[in-house]
N, C-alpha and C. Protein backbone atom coordinates (compact mmCIF):
# COMPACT_ATOMS: atom_id res chain seq x y z
N UNK A 1 44.83 104.09 87.96
CA UNK A 1 45.71 103.03 88.45
C UNK A 1 46.45 102.36 87.29
N UNK A 2 45.75 102.21 86.17
CA UNK A 2 46.37 101.55 85.02
C UNK A 2 47.59 102.34 84.53
N UNK A 3 47.51 103.67 84.61
CA UNK A 3 48.63 104.50 84.15
C UNK A 3 49.84 104.31 85.05
N UNK A 4 49.62 104.09 86.35
CA UNK A 4 50.72 103.85 87.27
C UNK A 4 51.42 102.54 86.93
N UNK A 5 50.65 101.53 86.58
CA UNK A 5 51.23 100.24 86.22
C UNK A 5 52.04 100.36 84.93
N UNK A 6 51.53 101.11 83.96
CA UNK A 6 52.27 101.32 82.71
C UNK A 6 53.58 102.04 83.00
N UNK A 7 53.53 103.03 83.89
CA UNK A 7 54.75 103.75 84.27
C UNK A 7 55.74 102.80 84.93
N UNK A 8 55.22 101.91 85.78
CA UNK A 8 56.09 100.94 86.46
C UNK A 8 56.73 100.01 85.45
N UNK A 9 55.99 99.61 84.43
CA UNK A 9 56.55 98.76 83.38
C UNK A 9 57.73 99.46 82.72
N UNK A 10 57.58 100.75 82.45
CA UNK A 10 58.65 101.49 81.81
C UNK A 10 59.89 101.59 82.68
N UNK A 11 59.70 101.84 83.96
CA UNK A 11 60.84 101.94 84.89
C UNK A 11 61.58 100.61 84.95
N UNK A 12 60.84 99.51 85.06
CA UNK A 12 61.47 98.20 85.15
C UNK A 12 62.20 97.86 83.86
N UNK A 13 61.64 98.25 82.73
CA UNK A 13 62.26 97.93 81.44
C UNK A 13 63.59 98.65 81.29
N UNK A 14 63.72 99.87 81.86
CA UNK A 14 64.95 100.63 81.73
C UNK A 14 66.00 100.22 82.76
N UNK A 15 65.61 99.45 83.76
CA UNK A 15 66.53 99.05 84.81
C UNK A 15 67.32 97.83 84.38
N UNK A 16 68.24 97.41 85.24
CA UNK A 16 69.07 96.24 84.95
C UNK A 16 68.46 94.96 85.53
N UNK A 17 67.23 95.04 85.97
CA UNK A 17 66.59 93.88 86.56
C UNK A 17 66.43 92.76 85.55
N UNK A 18 66.55 91.52 86.02
CA UNK A 18 66.29 90.38 85.15
C UNK A 18 64.80 90.17 84.97
N UNK A 19 63.98 90.69 85.89
CA UNK A 19 62.53 90.53 85.82
C UNK A 19 61.90 91.76 85.19
N UNK A 20 61.12 91.55 84.14
CA UNK A 20 60.49 92.64 83.42
C UNK A 20 58.99 92.37 83.28
N UNK A 21 58.20 93.34 83.72
CA UNK A 21 56.75 93.21 83.68
C UNK A 21 56.26 93.35 82.25
N UNK A 22 55.46 92.37 81.80
CA UNK A 22 54.91 92.39 80.45
C UNK A 22 53.48 92.91 80.45
N UNK A 23 52.65 92.37 81.35
CA UNK A 23 51.24 92.79 81.41
C UNK A 23 50.64 92.32 82.73
N UNK A 24 49.55 92.95 83.12
CA UNK A 24 48.82 92.53 84.32
C UNK A 24 47.32 92.57 84.07
N UNK A 25 46.61 91.81 84.87
CA UNK A 25 45.15 91.83 84.84
C UNK A 25 44.65 91.83 86.28
N UNK A 26 43.66 92.68 86.56
CA UNK A 26 43.06 92.74 87.89
C UNK A 26 41.55 92.57 87.76
N UNK A 27 40.98 91.79 88.65
CA UNK A 27 39.53 91.58 88.67
C UNK A 27 38.82 92.93 88.78
N UNK A 28 38.03 93.31 87.78
CA UNK A 28 37.39 94.63 87.79
C UNK A 28 36.37 94.82 88.92
N UNK A 29 35.95 93.73 89.55
CA UNK A 29 34.99 93.83 90.64
C UNK A 29 35.65 94.09 91.99
N UNK A 30 36.99 94.11 92.01
CA UNK A 30 37.72 94.29 93.26
C UNK A 30 38.56 95.56 93.20
N UNK A 31 38.28 96.50 94.11
CA UNK A 31 39.07 97.73 94.18
C UNK A 31 40.34 97.51 95.00
N UNK A 32 40.16 96.92 96.18
CA UNK A 32 41.29 96.67 97.08
C UNK A 32 41.07 95.33 97.78
N UNK A 33 42.17 94.72 98.18
CA UNK A 33 42.09 93.41 98.82
C UNK A 33 43.23 93.29 99.82
N UNK A 34 42.91 92.85 101.03
CA UNK A 34 43.93 92.71 102.08
C UNK A 34 43.94 91.28 102.60
N UNK A 35 44.79 90.44 102.06
CA UNK A 35 44.86 89.05 102.52
C UNK A 35 45.35 88.97 103.95
N UNK A 36 44.83 88.00 104.67
CA UNK A 36 45.25 87.83 106.07
C UNK A 36 46.11 86.59 106.27
N UNK A 37 45.87 85.54 105.47
CA UNK A 37 46.68 84.33 105.57
C UNK A 37 46.88 83.76 104.17
N UNK A 38 48.13 83.75 103.73
CA UNK A 38 48.46 83.45 102.33
C UNK A 38 49.30 82.18 102.22
N UNK A 39 48.93 81.32 101.26
CA UNK A 39 49.78 80.20 100.90
C UNK A 39 50.59 80.61 99.69
N UNK A 40 51.92 80.54 99.80
CA UNK A 40 52.82 80.93 98.71
C UNK A 40 53.29 79.67 97.99
N UNK A 41 53.01 79.59 96.69
CA UNK A 41 53.34 78.40 95.91
C UNK A 41 54.19 78.78 94.71
N UNK A 42 55.35 78.16 94.59
CA UNK A 42 56.19 78.30 93.40
C UNK A 42 56.30 76.94 92.74
N UNK A 43 55.84 76.83 91.50
CA UNK A 43 55.89 75.55 90.79
C UNK A 43 57.16 75.48 89.96
N UNK A 44 58.14 74.74 90.42
CA UNK A 44 59.38 74.52 89.71
C UNK A 44 60.07 73.30 90.29
N UNK A 45 60.81 72.60 89.45
CA UNK A 45 61.56 71.44 89.92
C UNK A 45 62.86 71.85 90.61
N UNK A 46 63.23 73.14 90.48
CA UNK A 46 64.42 73.66 91.13
C UNK A 46 64.07 74.00 92.57
N UNK A 47 64.32 73.09 93.49
CA UNK A 47 63.93 73.27 94.88
C UNK A 47 64.62 74.46 95.53
N UNK A 48 65.88 74.69 95.16
CA UNK A 48 66.61 75.83 95.74
C UNK A 48 65.93 77.15 95.36
N UNK A 49 65.60 77.31 94.08
CA UNK A 49 64.95 78.53 93.61
C UNK A 49 63.57 78.67 94.23
N UNK A 50 62.85 77.55 94.33
CA UNK A 50 61.51 77.58 94.91
C UNK A 50 61.55 78.00 96.37
N UNK A 51 62.51 77.48 97.11
CA UNK A 51 62.63 77.81 98.53
C UNK A 51 62.96 79.29 98.71
N UNK A 52 63.90 79.80 97.94
CA UNK A 52 64.28 81.21 98.05
C UNK A 52 63.09 82.11 97.70
N UNK A 53 62.38 81.75 96.63
CA UNK A 53 61.23 82.55 96.21
C UNK A 53 60.14 82.56 97.29
N UNK A 54 59.77 81.39 97.76
CA UNK A 54 58.70 81.31 98.75
C UNK A 54 59.10 82.00 100.06
N UNK A 55 60.36 81.89 100.44
CA UNK A 55 60.83 82.56 101.66
C UNK A 55 60.73 84.07 101.53
N UNK A 56 61.11 84.61 100.39
CA UNK A 56 61.09 86.06 100.23
C UNK A 56 59.68 86.62 100.12
N UNK A 57 58.81 85.91 99.42
CA UNK A 57 57.40 86.34 99.36
C UNK A 57 56.78 86.28 100.76
N UNK A 58 57.07 85.22 101.50
CA UNK A 58 56.58 85.08 102.87
C UNK A 58 57.02 86.26 103.72
N UNK A 59 58.30 86.64 103.61
CA UNK A 59 58.82 87.76 104.40
C UNK A 59 58.14 89.07 104.02
N UNK A 60 57.85 89.26 102.73
CA UNK A 60 57.18 90.48 102.29
C UNK A 60 55.78 90.59 102.88
N UNK A 61 55.04 89.49 102.85
CA UNK A 61 53.69 89.52 103.43
C UNK A 61 53.74 89.76 104.93
N UNK A 62 54.66 89.12 105.61
CA UNK A 62 54.74 89.26 107.07
C UNK A 62 55.13 90.68 107.46
N UNK A 63 55.94 91.34 106.64
CA UNK A 63 56.31 92.73 106.93
C UNK A 63 55.13 93.67 106.74
N UNK A 64 54.06 93.17 106.14
CA UNK A 64 52.85 93.95 105.90
C UNK A 64 51.69 93.49 106.78
N UNK A 65 51.99 92.71 107.80
CA UNK A 65 50.99 92.32 108.78
C UNK A 65 50.15 91.11 108.43
N UNK A 66 50.47 90.41 107.34
CA UNK A 66 49.72 89.22 106.95
C UNK A 66 50.52 87.97 107.30
N UNK A 67 49.81 86.90 107.57
CA UNK A 67 50.46 85.61 107.81
C UNK A 67 50.68 84.93 106.47
N UNK A 68 51.85 84.34 106.29
CA UNK A 68 52.15 83.65 105.03
C UNK A 68 52.84 82.33 105.33
N UNK A 69 52.50 81.32 104.54
CA UNK A 69 53.05 79.97 104.72
C UNK A 69 53.60 79.49 103.39
N UNK A 70 54.80 78.93 103.41
CA UNK A 70 55.40 78.38 102.20
C UNK A 70 54.77 77.02 101.88
N UNK A 71 54.56 76.77 100.60
CA UNK A 71 54.01 75.47 100.21
C UNK A 71 54.97 74.35 100.56
N UNK A 72 56.28 74.64 100.55
CA UNK A 72 57.27 73.63 100.92
C UNK A 72 57.12 73.20 102.37
N UNK A 73 56.60 74.09 103.21
CA UNK A 73 56.36 73.76 104.61
C UNK A 73 54.97 73.14 104.82
N UNK A 74 54.05 73.52 103.97
CA UNK A 74 52.66 73.09 104.14
C UNK A 74 52.41 71.69 103.59
N UNK A 75 52.95 71.40 102.42
CA UNK A 75 52.65 70.14 101.75
C UNK A 75 53.56 69.02 102.22
N UNK A 76 53.02 67.83 102.24
CA UNK A 76 53.80 66.62 102.52
C UNK A 76 54.81 66.43 101.39
N UNK A 77 56.03 65.99 101.71
CA UNK A 77 57.05 65.81 100.67
C UNK A 77 56.60 64.97 99.48
N UNK A 78 55.76 63.99 99.73
CA UNK A 78 55.31 63.13 98.64
C UNK A 78 54.45 63.90 97.64
N UNK A 79 53.73 64.93 98.11
CA UNK A 79 52.89 65.71 97.22
C UNK A 79 53.73 66.61 96.32
N UNK A 80 54.95 66.90 96.72
CA UNK A 80 55.81 67.77 95.93
C UNK A 80 56.44 67.02 94.77
N UNK A 81 56.44 65.70 94.85
CA UNK A 81 57.13 64.91 93.83
C UNK A 81 56.17 64.15 92.92
N UNK A 82 54.91 64.05 93.30
CA UNK A 82 53.95 63.28 92.53
C UNK A 82 52.85 64.16 91.98
N UNK A 83 52.36 63.82 90.79
CA UNK A 83 51.27 64.55 90.17
C UNK A 83 49.98 64.28 90.94
N UNK A 84 49.22 65.36 91.21
CA UNK A 84 47.99 65.23 91.99
C UNK A 84 46.77 65.29 91.08
N UNK A 85 45.69 64.65 91.51
CA UNK A 85 44.44 64.67 90.76
C UNK A 85 43.65 65.93 91.13
N UNK A 86 42.61 66.21 90.36
CA UNK A 86 41.75 67.36 90.65
C UNK A 86 41.10 67.23 92.01
N UNK A 87 40.70 66.01 92.36
CA UNK A 87 40.06 65.77 93.66
C UNK A 87 41.02 66.04 94.81
N UNK A 88 42.27 65.64 94.64
CA UNK A 88 43.27 65.87 95.69
C UNK A 88 43.55 67.36 95.88
N UNK A 89 43.61 68.09 94.77
CA UNK A 89 43.84 69.53 94.86
C UNK A 89 42.65 70.22 95.52
N UNK A 90 41.44 69.78 95.18
CA UNK A 90 40.24 70.35 95.80
C UNK A 90 40.23 70.09 97.31
N UNK A 91 40.69 68.91 97.71
CA UNK A 91 40.77 68.59 99.13
C UNK A 91 41.77 69.50 99.84
N UNK A 92 42.88 69.79 99.16
CA UNK A 92 43.87 70.70 99.73
C UNK A 92 43.25 72.09 99.94
N UNK A 93 42.49 72.57 98.95
CA UNK A 93 41.82 73.87 99.08
C UNK A 93 40.88 73.89 100.27
N UNK A 94 40.10 72.82 100.41
CA UNK A 94 39.15 72.73 101.53
C UNK A 94 39.87 72.78 102.87
N UNK A 95 40.97 72.07 102.96
CA UNK A 95 41.74 72.07 104.21
C UNK A 95 42.37 73.43 104.49
N UNK A 96 42.77 74.11 103.43
CA UNK A 96 43.33 75.45 103.60
C UNK A 96 42.29 76.40 104.19
N UNK A 97 41.08 76.32 103.68
CA UNK A 97 40.00 77.17 104.21
C UNK A 97 39.74 76.85 105.68
N UNK A 98 39.72 75.57 106.01
CA UNK A 98 39.51 75.18 107.41
C UNK A 98 40.59 75.73 108.32
N UNK A 99 41.78 75.88 107.79
CA UNK A 99 42.91 76.37 108.59
C UNK A 99 43.06 77.88 108.52
N UNK A 100 42.08 78.56 107.96
CA UNK A 100 42.06 80.02 108.00
C UNK A 100 42.72 80.73 106.84
N UNK A 101 43.15 80.00 105.80
CA UNK A 101 43.74 80.66 104.63
C UNK A 101 42.64 81.34 103.82
N UNK A 102 42.96 82.52 103.28
CA UNK A 102 42.01 83.18 102.39
C UNK A 102 42.59 83.49 101.02
N UNK A 103 43.90 83.24 100.84
CA UNK A 103 44.57 83.63 99.59
C UNK A 103 45.65 82.61 99.21
N UNK A 104 45.78 82.40 97.90
CA UNK A 104 46.89 81.61 97.36
C UNK A 104 47.61 82.48 96.33
N UNK A 105 48.92 82.58 96.44
CA UNK A 105 49.73 83.27 95.44
C UNK A 105 50.54 82.20 94.72
N UNK A 106 50.24 82.00 93.45
CA UNK A 106 50.82 80.91 92.66
C UNK A 106 51.72 81.47 91.55
N UNK A 107 52.95 80.97 91.48
CA UNK A 107 53.89 81.41 90.46
C UNK A 107 54.42 80.21 89.69
N UNK A 108 54.52 80.35 88.37
CA UNK A 108 55.00 79.26 87.54
C UNK A 108 55.64 79.81 86.28
N UNK A 109 56.53 79.04 85.68
CA UNK A 109 57.12 79.37 84.38
C UNK A 109 56.25 78.73 83.31
N UNK A 110 55.81 79.53 82.34
CA UNK A 110 54.88 79.02 81.32
C UNK A 110 55.54 78.86 79.95
N UNK A 111 56.82 79.26 79.83
CA UNK A 111 57.50 79.08 78.56
C UNK A 111 58.93 79.59 78.62
N UNK A 112 59.75 79.11 77.70
CA UNK A 112 61.14 79.53 77.59
C UNK A 112 61.43 79.85 76.13
N UNK A 113 62.12 80.96 75.89
CA UNK A 113 62.42 81.40 74.53
C UNK A 113 63.91 81.72 74.42
N UNK A 114 64.57 81.14 73.43
CA UNK A 114 65.99 81.42 73.18
C UNK A 114 66.11 82.66 72.31
N UNK A 115 67.04 83.55 72.69
CA UNK A 115 67.23 84.81 71.97
C UNK A 115 68.68 84.96 71.54
N UNK A 116 68.90 85.84 70.56
CA UNK A 116 70.24 86.19 70.12
C UNK A 116 70.36 87.72 70.10
N UNK A 117 71.37 88.23 70.76
CA UNK A 117 71.63 89.67 70.79
C UNK A 117 72.92 89.95 70.05
N UNK A 118 72.84 90.78 68.98
CA UNK A 118 74.02 91.11 68.19
C UNK A 118 74.74 92.31 68.78
N UNK A 119 76.03 92.39 68.51
CA UNK A 119 76.81 93.51 68.99
C UNK A 119 76.21 94.82 68.52
N UNK A 120 76.27 95.83 69.39
CA UNK A 120 75.62 97.11 69.09
C UNK A 120 76.19 97.78 67.85
N UNK A 121 77.48 97.58 67.54
CA UNK A 121 78.06 98.26 66.40
C UNK A 121 77.63 97.63 65.07
N UNK A 122 76.84 96.54 65.13
CA UNK A 122 76.30 95.95 63.91
C UNK A 122 74.83 96.32 63.72
N UNK A 123 74.32 97.13 64.61
CA UNK A 123 72.89 97.43 64.58
C UNK A 123 72.67 98.90 64.24
N UNK A 124 71.70 99.17 63.39
CA UNK A 124 71.32 100.55 63.12
C UNK A 124 72.27 101.31 62.20
N UNK A 125 73.11 100.63 61.46
CA UNK A 125 74.03 101.31 60.56
C UNK A 125 73.31 101.73 59.28
N UNK A 126 73.86 102.73 58.63
CA UNK A 126 73.31 103.17 57.36
C UNK A 126 73.67 102.15 56.28
N UNK A 127 72.69 101.42 55.82
CA UNK A 127 72.95 100.33 54.88
C UNK A 127 72.99 100.80 53.41
N UNK A 128 72.58 102.01 53.12
CA UNK A 128 72.41 102.43 51.72
C UNK A 128 73.72 102.85 51.05
N UNK A 129 74.74 103.24 51.82
CA UNK A 129 75.97 103.76 51.23
C UNK A 129 77.13 102.77 51.26
N UNK A 130 76.88 101.56 51.70
CA UNK A 130 77.97 100.60 51.85
C UNK A 130 78.25 99.86 50.54
N UNK A 131 79.55 99.61 50.34
CA UNK A 131 79.97 98.81 49.20
C UNK A 131 80.13 97.36 49.63
N UNK A 132 80.27 96.50 48.61
CA UNK A 132 80.37 95.08 48.90
C UNK A 132 81.51 94.76 49.85
N UNK A 133 82.71 95.29 49.57
CA UNK A 133 83.86 94.95 50.40
C UNK A 133 83.69 95.43 51.84
N UNK A 134 83.01 96.59 52.03
CA UNK A 134 82.78 97.11 53.38
C UNK A 134 81.78 96.22 54.12
N UNK A 135 80.76 95.84 53.38
CA UNK A 135 79.72 95.01 53.98
C UNK A 135 80.28 93.67 54.40
N UNK A 136 81.01 93.02 53.51
CA UNK A 136 81.56 91.70 53.80
C UNK A 136 82.63 91.78 54.89
N UNK A 137 83.44 92.83 54.83
CA UNK A 137 84.51 93.00 55.80
C UNK A 137 83.95 93.09 57.22
N UNK A 138 82.88 93.80 57.36
CA UNK A 138 82.29 93.97 58.70
C UNK A 138 81.59 92.71 59.18
N UNK A 139 80.79 92.11 58.31
CA UNK A 139 79.94 91.01 58.75
C UNK A 139 80.58 89.63 58.65
N UNK A 140 81.82 89.56 58.21
CA UNK A 140 82.50 88.27 58.22
C UNK A 140 82.76 87.80 59.64
N UNK A 141 82.60 88.70 60.61
CA UNK A 141 82.76 88.31 62.01
C UNK A 141 81.74 87.26 62.43
N UNK A 142 80.69 87.11 61.64
CA UNK A 142 79.72 86.05 61.93
C UNK A 142 80.43 84.71 62.07
N UNK A 143 81.47 84.51 61.26
CA UNK A 143 82.20 83.24 61.24
C UNK A 143 83.41 83.24 62.17
N UNK A 144 84.08 84.39 62.29
CA UNK A 144 85.39 84.40 62.94
C UNK A 144 85.42 85.02 64.34
N UNK A 145 84.39 85.74 64.71
CA UNK A 145 84.39 86.42 66.01
C UNK A 145 83.34 85.82 66.93
N UNK A 146 83.73 85.12 67.98
CA UNK A 146 82.75 84.50 68.89
C UNK A 146 81.95 85.53 69.67
N UNK A 147 82.42 86.78 69.69
CA UNK A 147 81.70 87.83 70.42
C UNK A 147 80.72 88.58 69.53
N UNK A 148 80.55 88.12 68.29
CA UNK A 148 79.65 88.81 67.36
C UNK A 148 78.22 88.84 67.89
N UNK A 149 77.81 87.79 68.53
CA UNK A 149 76.47 87.76 69.10
C UNK A 149 76.48 87.00 70.42
N UNK A 150 75.44 87.22 71.18
CA UNK A 150 75.30 86.59 72.50
C UNK A 150 73.96 85.85 72.55
N UNK A 151 74.01 84.61 72.93
CA UNK A 151 72.78 83.83 73.07
C UNK A 151 72.33 83.85 74.53
N UNK A 152 71.04 84.03 74.75
CA UNK A 152 70.49 84.03 76.10
C UNK A 152 69.05 83.53 76.08
N UNK A 153 68.52 83.26 77.25
CA UNK A 153 67.16 82.72 77.35
C UNK A 153 66.25 83.71 78.07
N UNK A 154 64.99 83.71 77.66
CA UNK A 154 63.95 84.49 78.33
C UNK A 154 62.90 83.51 78.85
N UNK A 155 62.69 83.54 80.16
CA UNK A 155 61.69 82.69 80.78
C UNK A 155 60.40 83.50 80.98
N UNK A 156 59.31 82.97 80.45
CA UNK A 156 58.02 83.64 80.60
C UNK A 156 57.32 83.07 81.84
N UNK A 157 57.14 83.92 82.84
CA UNK A 157 56.56 83.48 84.10
C UNK A 157 55.21 84.16 84.34
N UNK A 158 54.45 83.57 85.21
CA UNK A 158 53.11 84.07 85.51
C UNK A 158 52.85 83.92 87.00
N UNK A 159 52.40 84.99 87.64
CA UNK A 159 52.01 84.94 89.05
C UNK A 159 50.53 85.29 89.17
N UNK A 160 49.79 84.47 89.89
CA UNK A 160 48.35 84.67 90.04
C UNK A 160 47.97 84.70 91.52
N UNK A 161 47.03 85.57 91.85
CA UNK A 161 46.50 85.64 93.21
C UNK A 161 45.05 85.16 93.20
N UNK A 162 44.76 84.16 94.04
CA UNK A 162 43.41 83.60 94.11
C UNK A 162 42.83 83.81 95.51
N UNK A 163 41.55 84.15 95.54
CA UNK A 163 40.82 84.20 96.81
C UNK A 163 40.19 82.83 97.03
N UNK A 164 40.39 82.27 98.22
CA UNK A 164 39.74 80.99 98.55
C UNK A 164 38.83 81.17 99.77
N UNK A 165 38.20 82.34 99.80
CA UNK A 165 37.29 82.65 100.90
C UNK A 165 36.13 81.66 100.90
N UNK A 166 35.70 81.19 102.07
CA UNK A 166 34.65 80.16 102.14
C UNK A 166 33.30 80.62 101.61
N UNK A 167 33.04 81.93 101.61
CA UNK A 167 31.74 82.43 101.17
C UNK A 167 31.69 82.74 99.68
N UNK A 168 32.81 82.54 98.97
CA UNK A 168 32.87 82.85 97.55
C UNK A 168 33.45 81.68 96.78
N UNK A 169 33.27 81.74 95.45
CA UNK A 169 33.95 80.77 94.60
C UNK A 169 35.45 81.07 94.62
N UNK A 170 36.24 80.11 94.19
CA UNK A 170 37.69 80.30 94.14
C UNK A 170 38.00 81.24 92.98
N UNK A 171 37.96 82.55 93.24
CA UNK A 171 38.06 83.51 92.15
C UNK A 171 39.47 84.06 91.99
N UNK A 172 39.80 84.39 90.74
CA UNK A 172 41.06 85.01 90.42
C UNK A 172 40.99 86.50 90.71
N UNK A 173 41.92 87.00 91.48
CA UNK A 173 41.95 88.41 91.85
C UNK A 173 42.89 89.19 90.94
N UNK A 174 44.06 88.61 90.68
CA UNK A 174 45.08 89.33 89.91
C UNK A 174 45.99 88.33 89.21
N UNK A 175 46.50 88.75 88.05
CA UNK A 175 47.47 87.93 87.34
C UNK A 175 48.50 88.85 86.68
N UNK A 176 49.77 88.48 86.81
CA UNK A 176 50.83 89.26 86.20
C UNK A 176 51.71 88.38 85.33
N UNK A 177 52.08 88.89 84.15
CA UNK A 177 52.97 88.17 83.24
C UNK A 177 54.33 88.85 83.28
N UNK A 178 55.36 88.09 83.59
CA UNK A 178 56.69 88.65 83.81
C UNK A 178 57.72 87.83 83.04
N UNK A 179 58.62 88.54 82.37
CA UNK A 179 59.73 87.89 81.68
C UNK A 179 60.97 87.92 82.56
N UNK A 180 61.64 86.78 82.65
CA UNK A 180 62.92 86.69 83.35
C UNK A 180 63.99 86.59 82.27
N UNK A 181 64.78 87.66 82.12
CA UNK A 181 65.69 87.78 80.99
C UNK A 181 67.12 87.43 81.41
N UNK A 182 67.69 86.45 80.73
CA UNK A 182 69.10 86.05 80.92
C UNK A 182 69.49 85.95 82.39
N UNK A 183 68.81 85.11 83.16
CA UNK A 183 69.15 84.98 84.58
C UNK A 183 70.55 84.43 84.77
N UNK A 184 71.31 85.06 85.66
CA UNK A 184 72.69 84.62 85.91
C UNK A 184 72.84 83.93 87.25
N UNK A 185 72.03 84.31 88.22
CA UNK A 185 72.11 83.68 89.54
C UNK A 185 70.72 83.57 90.13
N UNK A 186 70.51 82.55 90.94
CA UNK A 186 69.20 82.33 91.56
C UNK A 186 68.85 83.49 92.48
N UNK A 187 69.81 83.93 93.29
CA UNK A 187 69.54 84.99 94.26
C UNK A 187 69.09 86.28 93.58
N UNK A 188 69.83 86.71 92.56
CA UNK A 188 69.51 87.96 91.88
C UNK A 188 68.16 87.86 91.17
N UNK A 189 67.91 86.73 90.54
CA UNK A 189 66.66 86.55 89.81
C UNK A 189 65.46 86.57 90.75
N UNK A 190 65.57 85.85 91.86
CA UNK A 190 64.47 85.81 92.84
C UNK A 190 64.25 87.20 93.44
N UNK A 191 65.31 87.90 93.78
CA UNK A 191 65.19 89.25 94.34
C UNK A 191 64.45 90.17 93.38
N UNK A 192 64.86 90.17 92.12
CA UNK A 192 64.23 91.04 91.13
C UNK A 192 62.76 90.68 90.94
N UNK A 193 62.48 89.40 90.88
CA UNK A 193 61.10 88.95 90.63
C UNK A 193 60.19 89.32 91.79
N UNK A 194 60.63 89.05 93.00
CA UNK A 194 59.81 89.34 94.18
C UNK A 194 59.56 90.84 94.31
N UNK A 195 60.58 91.65 94.13
CA UNK A 195 60.42 93.10 94.23
C UNK A 195 59.40 93.61 93.23
N UNK A 196 59.46 93.08 92.01
CA UNK A 196 58.54 93.51 90.97
C UNK A 196 57.11 93.11 91.30
N UNK A 197 56.90 91.86 91.69
CA UNK A 197 55.56 91.38 92.02
C UNK A 197 54.95 92.19 93.16
N UNK A 198 55.70 92.39 94.22
CA UNK A 198 55.19 93.12 95.38
C UNK A 198 54.90 94.58 95.02
N UNK A 199 55.76 95.19 94.21
CA UNK A 199 55.55 96.58 93.81
C UNK A 199 54.24 96.74 93.04
N UNK A 200 53.98 95.81 92.12
CA UNK A 200 52.75 95.88 91.33
C UNK A 200 51.53 95.61 92.21
N UNK A 201 51.61 94.61 93.09
CA UNK A 201 50.49 94.32 93.98
C UNK A 201 50.17 95.51 94.87
N UNK A 202 51.19 96.21 95.32
CA UNK A 202 50.95 97.37 96.17
C UNK A 202 50.30 98.50 95.39
N UNK A 203 50.74 98.71 94.14
CA UNK A 203 50.10 99.73 93.30
C UNK A 203 48.64 99.40 93.03
N UNK A 204 48.35 98.11 92.92
CA UNK A 204 46.98 97.67 92.65
C UNK A 204 46.13 97.57 93.92
N UNK A 205 46.72 97.92 95.06
CA UNK A 205 46.04 97.85 96.37
C UNK A 205 45.60 96.42 96.70
N UNK A 206 46.48 95.48 96.42
CA UNK A 206 46.20 94.07 96.70
C UNK A 206 47.12 93.52 97.78
N UNK A 207 47.95 94.39 98.34
CA UNK A 207 48.79 94.03 99.48
C UNK A 207 49.01 95.31 100.27
N UNK A 208 49.09 95.19 101.58
CA UNK A 208 49.24 96.37 102.42
C UNK A 208 50.66 96.93 102.35
N UNK A 209 50.83 98.21 102.64
CA UNK A 209 52.19 98.78 102.73
C UNK A 209 52.94 98.14 103.90
N UNK A 210 54.25 98.28 103.88
CA UNK A 210 55.08 97.75 104.96
C UNK A 210 54.72 98.46 106.26
N UNK A 211 54.59 97.69 107.33
CA UNK A 211 54.25 98.25 108.64
C UNK A 211 55.47 98.90 109.26
N UNK A 212 55.29 100.11 109.76
CA UNK A 212 56.35 100.78 110.52
C UNK A 212 56.33 100.21 111.93
N UNK A 213 57.26 99.30 112.22
CA UNK A 213 57.26 98.61 113.51
C UNK A 213 57.43 99.57 114.69
N UNK A 214 58.23 100.60 114.50
CA UNK A 214 58.45 101.57 115.58
C UNK A 214 57.16 102.31 115.89
N UNK A 215 56.46 102.74 114.82
CA UNK A 215 55.20 103.45 115.01
C UNK A 215 54.15 102.54 115.63
N UNK A 216 54.10 101.29 115.19
CA UNK A 216 53.13 100.35 115.73
C UNK A 216 53.38 100.11 117.21
N UNK A 217 54.63 100.01 117.60
CA UNK A 217 54.98 99.80 119.01
C UNK A 217 54.58 100.98 119.85
N UNK A 218 54.76 102.20 119.31
CA UNK A 218 54.35 103.40 120.03
C UNK A 218 52.84 103.45 120.21
N UNK A 219 52.09 103.04 119.17
CA UNK A 219 50.64 103.03 119.25
C UNK A 219 50.14 102.02 120.28
N UNK A 220 50.82 100.88 120.37
CA UNK A 220 50.41 99.86 121.32
C UNK A 220 50.64 100.28 122.77
N UNK A 221 51.62 101.16 122.98
CA UNK A 221 51.92 101.59 124.34
C UNK A 221 51.00 102.70 124.82
N UNK A 222 50.24 103.31 123.88
CA UNK A 222 49.33 104.40 124.27
C UNK A 222 48.10 103.87 124.98
């Protein structure tokens, strides 16, 4: 299974996706896991991005036969704007269990890094045969050419899956580290991120495949 994940990392890295898988961890005591009722939580002050993310994750789980609830729908508005204590969060967990939840999928940004990308024609050149005038002539664009380099940001994000089953401790099932590179639009970034997360979870057997509704309907009529 680990080799499949490494292969997936390579495919994502070669694609044009803004979301790139860095690393994953899976609880070694769990081979497969099928959540039945999931709370989807995105921690960000950008309500638009959070809503789009939670909506898309919710739709992915529902297409796989699981019930999913957005934290924006579950939590009182005041809880979304105020810092909560450990006791308050524990009470929320207890209430989730009472209401039949068995899983929490939590996503957050854990860091931001500014990057600089130089023009490709300045990279990888043979430096040993150049004379001073050639070197200066080429690299004087640092001062005069605004296209000499491009500045962009990389957001380091983390998605974790927790089991909140009443018969077990609140254990971590899976964690994925994902870089969001030079995001240009909320829609594109959320789409890329959700597709990547779901693809990895499916490879790890932590989410069911998409249900064939036509086949399911035929089975129900038999």
